[in-house]
PDB file of all heavy atoms in Angstrom:
ATOM      1  N   LEU A   1      13.890-105.521-111.249  1.00  0.00           N
ATOM      2  CA  LEU A   1      13.577-106.579-110.288  1.00  0.00           C
ATOM      3  C   LEU A   1      14.825-107.398-110.014  1.00  0.00           C
ATOM      4  O   LEU A   1      15.470-107.894-110.937  1.00  0.00           O
ATOM      5  CB  LEU A   1      12.471-107.470-110.877  1.00  0.00           C
ATOM      6  CG  LEU A   1      11.874-108.533-109.974  1.00  0.00           C
ATOM      7  CD1 LEU A   1      11.159-107.887-108.789  1.00  0.00           C
ATOM      8  CD2 LEU A   1      10.893-109.380-110.774  1.00  0.00           C
ATOM      9  N   GLN A   2      15.173-107.530-108.741  1.00  0.00           N
ATOM     10  CA  GLN A   2      16.349-108.330-108.409  1.00  0.00           C
ATOM     11  C   GLN A   2      16.051-109.262-107.256  1.00  0.00           C
ATOM     12  O   GLN A   2      15.279-108.939-106.360  1.00  0.00           O
ATOM     13  CB  GLN A   2      17.557-107.451-108.103  1.00  0.00           C
ATOM     14  CG  GLN A   2      17.341-106.417-107.031  1.00  0.00           C
ATOM     15  CD  GLN A   2      18.582-105.586-106.814  1.00  0.00           C
ATOM     16  OE1 GLN A   2      19.607-106.110-106.416  1.00  0.00           O
ATOM     17  NE2 GLN A   2      18.498-104.298-107.062  1.00  0.00           N
ATOM     18  N   ASN A   3      16.652-110.430-107.318  1.00  0.00           N
ATOM     19  CA  ASN A   3      16.430-111.444-106.298  1.00  0.00           C
ATOM     20  C   ASN A   3      17.343-111.180-105.100  1.00  0.00           C
ATOM     21  O   ASN A   3      18.497-110.828-105.263  1.00  0.00           O
ATOM     22  CB  ASN A   3      16.715-112.826-106.880  1.00  0.00           C
ATOM     23  CG  ASN A   3      16.171-113.933-106.017  1.00  0.00           C
ATOM     24  OD1 ASN A   3      15.532-113.700-105.006  1.00  0.00           O
ATOM     25  ND2 ASN A   3      16.420-115.147-106.428  1.00  0.00           N
ATOM     26  N   TYR A   4      16.793-111.363-103.932  1.00  0.00           N
ATOM     27  CA  TYR A   4      17.548-111.242-102.693  1.00  0.00           C
ATOM     28  C   TYR A   4      17.570-112.613-102.032  1.00  0.00           C
ATOM     29  O   TYR A   4      16.593-113.356-102.110  1.00  0.00           O
ATOM     30  CB  TYR A   4      16.897-110.227-101.756  1.00  0.00           C
ATOM     31  CG  TYR A   4      16.834-108.837-102.321  1.00  0.00           C
ATOM     32  CD1 TYR A   4      15.673-108.359-102.914  1.00  0.00           C
ATOM     33  CD2 TYR A   4      17.925-107.984-102.244  1.00  0.00           C
ATOM     34  CE1 TYR A   4      15.606-107.062-103.424  1.00  0.00           C
ATOM     35  CE2 TYR A   4      17.872-106.695-102.753  1.00  0.00           C
ATOM     36  CZ  TYR A   4      16.710-106.243-103.343  1.00  0.00           C
ATOM     37  OH  TYR A   4      16.657-104.965-103.850  1.00  0.00           O
ATOM     38  N   SER A   5      18.638-112.934-101.366  1.00  0.00           N
ATOM     39  CA  SER A   5      18.772-114.269-100.781  1.00  0.00           C
ATOM     40  C   SER A   5      17.675-114.586 -99.765  1.00  0.00           C
ATOM     41  O   SER A   5      17.319-115.744 -99.589  1.00  0.00           O
ATOM     42  CB  SER A   5      20.145-114.438-100.147  1.00  0.00           C
ATOM     43  OG  SER A   5      20.323-113.499 -99.120  1.00  0.00           O
ATOM     44  N   ALA A   6      17.122-113.589 -99.112  1.00  0.00           N
ATOM     45  CA  ALA A   6      16.091-113.835 -98.104  1.00  0.00           C
ATOM     46  C   ALA A   6      14.669-113.650 -98.643  1.00  0.00           C
ATOM     47  O   ALA A   6      13.724-113.605 -97.874  1.00  0.00           O
ATOM     48  CB  ALA A   6      16.323-112.916 -96.908  1.00  0.00           C
ATOM     49  N   SER A   7      14.522-113.558 -99.951  1.00  0.00           N
ATOM     50  CA  SER A   7      13.196-113.405-100.540  1.00  0.00           C
ATOM     51  C   SER A   7      12.355-114.651-100.288  1.00  0.00           C
ATOM     52  O   SER A   7      12.872-115.755-100.173  1.00  0.00           O
ATOM     53  CB  SER A   7      13.295-113.162-102.039  1.00  0.00           C
ATOM     54  OG  SER A   7      13.982-111.976-102.293  1.00  0.00           O
ATOM     55  N   LEU A   8      11.037-114.438-100.254  1.00  0.00           N
ATOM     56  CA  LEU A   8      10.106-115.538-100.013  1.00  0.00           C
ATOM     57  C   LEU A   8       9.132-115.657-101.170  1.00  0.00           C
ATOM     58  O   LEU A   8       8.860-114.684-101.875  1.00  0.00           O
ATOM     59  CB  LEU A   8       9.332-115.302 -98.713  1.00  0.00           C
ATOM     60  CG  LEU A   8      10.172-115.190 -97.447  1.00  0.00           C
ATOM     61  CD1 LEU A   8       9.295-114.792 -96.272  1.00  0.00           C
ATOM     62  CD2 LEU A   8      10.866-116.513 -97.167  1.00  0.00           C
ATOM     63  N   VAL A   9       8.585-116.844-101.318  1.00  0.00           N
ATOM     64  CA  VAL A   9       7.586-117.090-102.359  1.00  0.00           C
ATOM     65  C   VAL A   9       6.431-117.876-101.750  1.00  0.00           C
ATOM     66  O   VAL A   9       6.627-118.710-100.862  1.00  0.00           O
ATOM     67  CB  VAL A   9       8.201-117.858-103.560  1.00  0.00           C
ATOM     68  CG1 VAL A   9       8.709-119.223-103.160  1.00  0.00           C
ATOM     69  CG2 VAL A   9       7.218-117.947-104.708  1.00  0.00           C
ATOM     70  N   ALA A  10       5.239-117.570-102.212  1.00  0.00           N
ATOM     71  CA  ALA A  10       4.047-118.329-101.833  1.00  0.00           C
ATOM     72  C   ALA A  10       3.343-118.733-103.121  1.00  0.00           C
ATOM     73  O   ALA A  10       3.370-118.006-104.114  1.00  0.00           O
ATOM     74  CB  ALA A  10       3.128-117.500-100.957  1.00  0.00           C
ATOM     75  N   ILE A  11       2.736-119.892-103.080  1.00  0.00           N
ATOM     76  CA  ILE A  11       1.958-120.372-104.219  1.00  0.00           C
ATOM     77  C   ILE A  11       0.570-120.705-103.707  1.00  0.00           C
ATOM     78  O   ILE A  11       0.421-121.488-102.757  1.00  0.00           O
ATOM     79  CB  ILE A  11       2.625-121.597-104.880  1.00  0.00           C
ATOM     80  CG1 ILE A  11       4.030-121.216-105.380  1.00  0.00           C
ATOM     81  CG2 ILE A  11       1.761-122.140-106.015  1.00  0.00           C
ATOM     82  CD1 ILE A  11       4.845-122.365-105.925  1.00  0.00           C
ATOM     83  N   ASN A  12      -0.406-120.058-104.317  1.00  0.00           N
ATOM     84  CA  ASN A  12      -1.806-120.238-103.912  1.00  0.00           C
ATOM     85  C   ASN A  12      -1.997-119.997-102.415  1.00  0.00           C
ATOM     86  O   ASN A  12      -2.617-120.778-101.706  1.00  0.00           O
ATOM     87  CB  ASN A  12      -2.318-121.616-104.338  1.00  0.00           C
ATOM     88  CG  ASN A  12      -2.207-121.808-105.831  1.00  0.00           C
ATOM     89  OD1 ASN A  12      -2.429-120.886-106.607  1.00  0.00           O
ATOM     90  ND2 ASN A  12      -1.833-122.996-106.246  1.00  0.00           N
ATOM     91  N   ASP A  13      -1.407-118.895-101.951  1.00  0.00           N
ATOM     92  CA  ASP A  13      -1.529-118.418-100.566  1.00  0.00           C
ATOM     93  C   ASP A  13      -0.868-119.309 -99.517  1.00  0.00           C
ATOM     94  O   ASP A  13      -1.170-119.206 -98.333  1.00  0.00           O
ATOM     95  CB  ASP A  13      -2.988-118.163-100.190  1.00  0.00           C
ATOM     96  CG  ASP A  13      -3.580-117.014-100.967  1.00  0.00           C
ATOM     97  OD1 ASP A  13      -2.845-116.028-101.228  1.00  0.00           O
ATOM     98  OD2 ASP A  13      -4.769-117.072-101.328  1.00  0.00           O
ATOM     99  N   GLU A  14       0.042-120.187 -99.936  1.00  0.00           N
ATOM    100  CA  GLU A  14       0.803-120.992 -98.981  1.00  0.00           C
ATOM    101  C   GLU A  14       2.285-120.797 -99.255  1.00  0.00           C
ATOM    102  O   GLU A  14       2.724-120.874-100.405  1.00  0.00           O
ATOM    103  CB  GLU A  14       0.447-122.477 -99.121  1.00  0.00           C
ATOM    104  CG  GLU A  14      -0.966-122.783 -98.676  1.00  0.00           C
ATOM    105  CD  GLU A  14      -1.244-124.274 -98.614  1.00  0.00           C
ATOM    106  OE1 GLU A  14      -0.274-125.060 -98.478  1.00  0.00           O
ATOM    107  OE2 GLU A  14      -2.414-124.644 -98.715  1.00  0.00           O
ATOM    108  N   MET A  15       3.057-120.553 -98.203  1.00  0.00           N
ATOM    109  CA  MET A  15       4.491-120.386 -98.373  1.00  0.00           C
ATOM    110  C   MET A  15       5.053-121.635 -99.042  1.00  0.00           C
ATOM    111  O   MET A  15       4.612-122.754 -98.764  1.00  0.00           O
ATOM    112  CB  MET A  15       5.172-120.139 -97.029  1.00  0.00           C
ATOM    113  CG  MET A  15       4.710-118.861 -96.323  1.00  0.00           C
ATOM    114  SD  MET A  15       4.697-117.380 -97.373  1.00  0.00           S
ATOM    115  CE  MET A  15       6.444-117.128 -97.628  1.00  0.00           C
ATOM    116  N   ALA A  16       6.012-121.411 -99.947  1.00  0.00           N
ATOM    117  CA  ALA A  16       6.542-122.514-100.750  1.00  0.00           C
ATOM    118  C   ALA A  16       8.054-122.387-100.882  1.00  0.00           C
ATOM    119  O   ALA A  16       8.638-121.348-100.571  1.00  0.00           O
ATOM    120  CB  ALA A  16       5.892-122.501-102.137  1.00  0.00           C
ATOM    121  N   GLU A  17       8.656-123.442-101.355  1.00  0.00           N
ATOM    122  CA  GLU A  17      10.076-123.448-101.674  1.00  0.00           C
ATOM    123  C   GLU A  17      10.250-122.941-103.097  1.00  0.00           C
ATOM    124  O   GLU A  17       9.354-123.052-103.929  1.00  0.00           O
ATOM    125  CB  GLU A  17      10.652-124.862-101.543  1.00  0.00           C
ATOM    126  CG  GLU A  17      10.564-125.447-100.141  1.00  0.00           C
ATOM    127  CD  GLU A  17      11.380-124.674 -99.135  1.00  0.00           C
ATOM    128  OE1 GLU A  17      12.475-124.184 -99.490  1.00  0.00           O
ATOM    129  OE2 GLU A  17      10.931-124.565 -97.978  1.00  0.00           O
ATOM    130  N   TRP A  18      11.427-122.409-103.394  1.00  0.00           N
ATOM    131  CA  TRP A  18      11.688-121.864-104.715  1.00  0.00           C
ATOM    132  C   TRP A  18      11.684-122.931-105.804  1.00  0.00           C
ATOM    133  O   TRP A  18      11.437-122.640-106.965  1.00  0.00           O
ATOM    134  CB  TRP A  18      13.008-121.092-104.730  1.00  0.00           C
ATOM    135  CG  TRP A  18      12.845-119.770-104.032  1.00  0.00           C
ATOM    136  CD1 TRP A  18      13.161-119.495-102.735  1.00  0.00           C
ATOM    137  CD2 TRP A  18      12.288-118.578-104.581  1.00  0.00           C
ATOM    138  NE1 TRP A  18      12.836-118.194-102.445  1.00  0.00           N
ATOM    139  CE2 TRP A  18      12.304-117.597-103.565  1.00  0.00           C
ATOM    140  CE3 TRP A  18      11.788-118.238-105.830  1.00  0.00           C
ATOM    141  CZ2 TRP A  18      11.835-116.309-103.760  1.00  0.00           C
ATOM    142  CZ3 TRP A  18      11.321-116.948-106.028  1.00  0.00           C
ATOM    143  CH2 TRP A  18      11.348-116.000-105.000  1.00  0.00           C
ATOM    144  N   ASP A  19      11.920-124.189-105.447  1.00  0.00           N
ATOM    145  CA  ASP A  19      11.930-125.250-106.455  1.00  0.00           C
ATOM    146  C   ASP A  19      10.564-125.924-106.621  1.00  0.00           C
ATOM    147  O   ASP A  19      10.441-126.918-107.342  1.00  0.00           O
ATOM    148  CB  ASP A  19      13.007-126.294-106.149  1.00  0.00           C
ATOM    149  CG  ASP A  19      12.804-126.990-104.811  1.00  0.00           C
ATOM    150  OD1 ASP A  19      11.901-126.603-104.052  1.00  0.00           O
ATOM    151  OD2 ASP A  19      13.567-127.935-104.526  1.00  0.00           O
ATOM    152  N   THR A  20       9.528-125.377-105.985  1.00  0.00           N
ATOM    153  CA  THR A  20       8.182-125.924-106.107  1.00  0.00           C
ATOM    154  C   THR A  20       7.714-125.865-107.559  1.00  0.00           C
ATOM    155  O   THR A  20       7.841-124.830-108.216  1.00  0.00           O
ATOM    156  CB  THR A  20       7.197-125.161-105.203  1.00  0.00           C
ATOM    157  OG1 THR A  20       7.646-125.267-103.844  1.00  0.00           O
ATOM    158  CG2 THR A  20       5.791-125.711-105.325  1.00  0.00           C
ATOM    159  N   GLU A  21       7.164-126.971-108.023  1.00  0.00           N
ATOM    160  CA  GLU A  21       6.675-127.062-109.400  1.00  0.00           C
ATOM    161  C   GLU A  21       5.393-126.247-109.566  1.00  0.00           C
ATOM    162  O   GLU A  21       4.504-126.284-108.709  1.00  0.00           O
ATOM    163  CB  GLU A  21       6.397-128.524-109.746  1.00  0.00           C
ATOM    164  CG  GLU A  21       5.968-128.744-111.167  1.00  0.00           C
ATOM    165  CD  GLU A  21       5.770-130.219-111.476  1.00  0.00           C
ATOM    166  OE1 GLU A  21       6.493-131.054-110.906  1.00  0.00           O
ATOM    167  OE2 GLU A  21       4.885-130.511-112.288  1.00  0.00           O
ATOM    168  N   LEU A  22       5.306-125.528-110.666  1.00  0.00           N
ATOM    169  CA  LEU A  22       4.132-124.713-110.960  1.00  0.00           C
ATOM    170  C   LEU A  22       3.125-125.492-111.792  1.00  0.00           C
ATOM    171  O   LEU A  22       3.496-126.383-112.558  1.00  0.00           O
ATOM    172  CB  LEU A  22       4.545-123.450-111.721  1.00  0.00           C
ATOM    173  CG  LEU A  22       5.495-122.517-110.982  1.00  0.00           C
ATOM    174  CD1 LEU A  22       5.878-121.354-111.882  1.00  0.00           C
ATOM    175  CD2 LEU A  22       4.879-122.027-109.690  1.00  0.00           C
ATOM    176  N   ARG A  23       1.859-125.111-111.615  1.00  0.00           N
ATOM    177  CA  ARG A  23       0.769-125.708-112.386  1.00  0.00           C
ATOM    178  C   ARG A  23      -0.091-124.604-112.987  1.00  0.00           C
ATOM    179  O   ARG A  23      -0.120-123.488-112.479  1.00  0.00           O
ATOM    180  CB  ARG A  23      -0.086-126.589-111.486  1.00  0.00           C
ATOM    181  CG  ARG A  23       0.693-127.759-110.941  1.00  0.00           C
ATOM    182  CD  ARG A  23      -0.126-128.547-109.971  1.00  0.00           C
ATOM    183  NE  ARG A  23       0.728-129.549-109.357  1.00  0.00           N
ATOM    184  CZ  ARG A  23       0.430-130.822-109.294  1.00  0.00           C
ATOM    185  NH1 ARG A  23      -0.702-131.247-109.772  1.00  0.00           N
ATOM    186  NH2 ARG A  23       1.265-131.662-108.737  1.00  0.00           N
ATOM    187  N   GLU A  24      -0.779-124.943-114.055  1.00  0.00           N
ATOM    188  CA  GLU A  24      -1.657-124.006-114.744  1.00  0.00           C
ATOM    189  C   GLU A  24      -2.551-123.268-113.739  1.00  0.00           C
ATOM    190  O   GLU A  24      -3.124-123.877-112.837  1.00  0.00           O
ATOM    191  CB  GLU A  24      -2.526-124.768-115.749  1.00  0.00           C
ATOM    192  CG  GLU A  24      -3.457-123.906-116.560  1.00  0.00           C
ATOM    193  CD  GLU A  24      -2.782-123.241-117.757  1.00  0.00           C
ATOM    194  OE1 GLU A  24      -1.738-123.739-118.209  1.00  0.00           O
ATOM    195  OE2 GLU A  24      -3.302-122.229-118.227  1.00  0.00           O
ATOM    196  N   HIS A  25      -2.619-121.952-113.890  1.00  0.00           N
ATOM    197  CA  HIS A  25      -3.480-121.061-113.103  1.00  0.00           C
ATOM    198  C   HIS A  25      -3.055-120.894-111.641  1.00  0.00           C
ATOM    199  O   HIS A  25      -3.835-120.389-110.837  1.00  0.00           O
ATOM    200  CB  HIS A  25      -4.955-121.476-113.178  1.00  0.00           C
ATOM    201  CG  HIS A  25      -5.467-121.520-114.578  1.00  0.00           C
ATOM    202  ND1 HIS A  25      -5.558-120.403-115.380  1.00  0.00           N
ATOM    203  CD2 HIS A  25      -5.885-122.556-115.337  1.00  0.00           C
ATOM    204  CE1 HIS A  25      -6.026-120.749-116.557  1.00  0.00           C
ATOM    205  NE2 HIS A  25      -6.220-122.047-116.563  1.00  0.00           N
ATOM    206  N   ASP A  26      -1.832-121.299-111.294  1.00  0.00           N
ATOM    207  CA  ASP A  26      -1.336-121.012-109.944  1.00  0.00           C
ATOM    208  C   ASP A  26      -1.252-119.501-109.760  1.00  0.00           C
ATOM    209  O   ASP A  26      -1.085-118.746-110.725  1.00  0.00           O
ATOM    210  CB  ASP A  26       0.069-121.592-109.732  1.00  0.00           C
ATOM    211  CG  ASP A  26       0.057-123.053-109.318  1.00  0.00           C
ATOM    212  OD1 ASP A  26      -1.012-123.577-108.958  1.00  0.00           O
ATOM    213  OD2 ASP A  26       1.142-123.676-109.365  1.00  0.00           O
TER     214      ASP A  26
END
């Protein structure tokens, strides 16, 4: 697994920033 600069992340089905804080059961 390798990170790419254009990779995206979503948290709980909403697009998010990489620095978004995580919570239990996300």
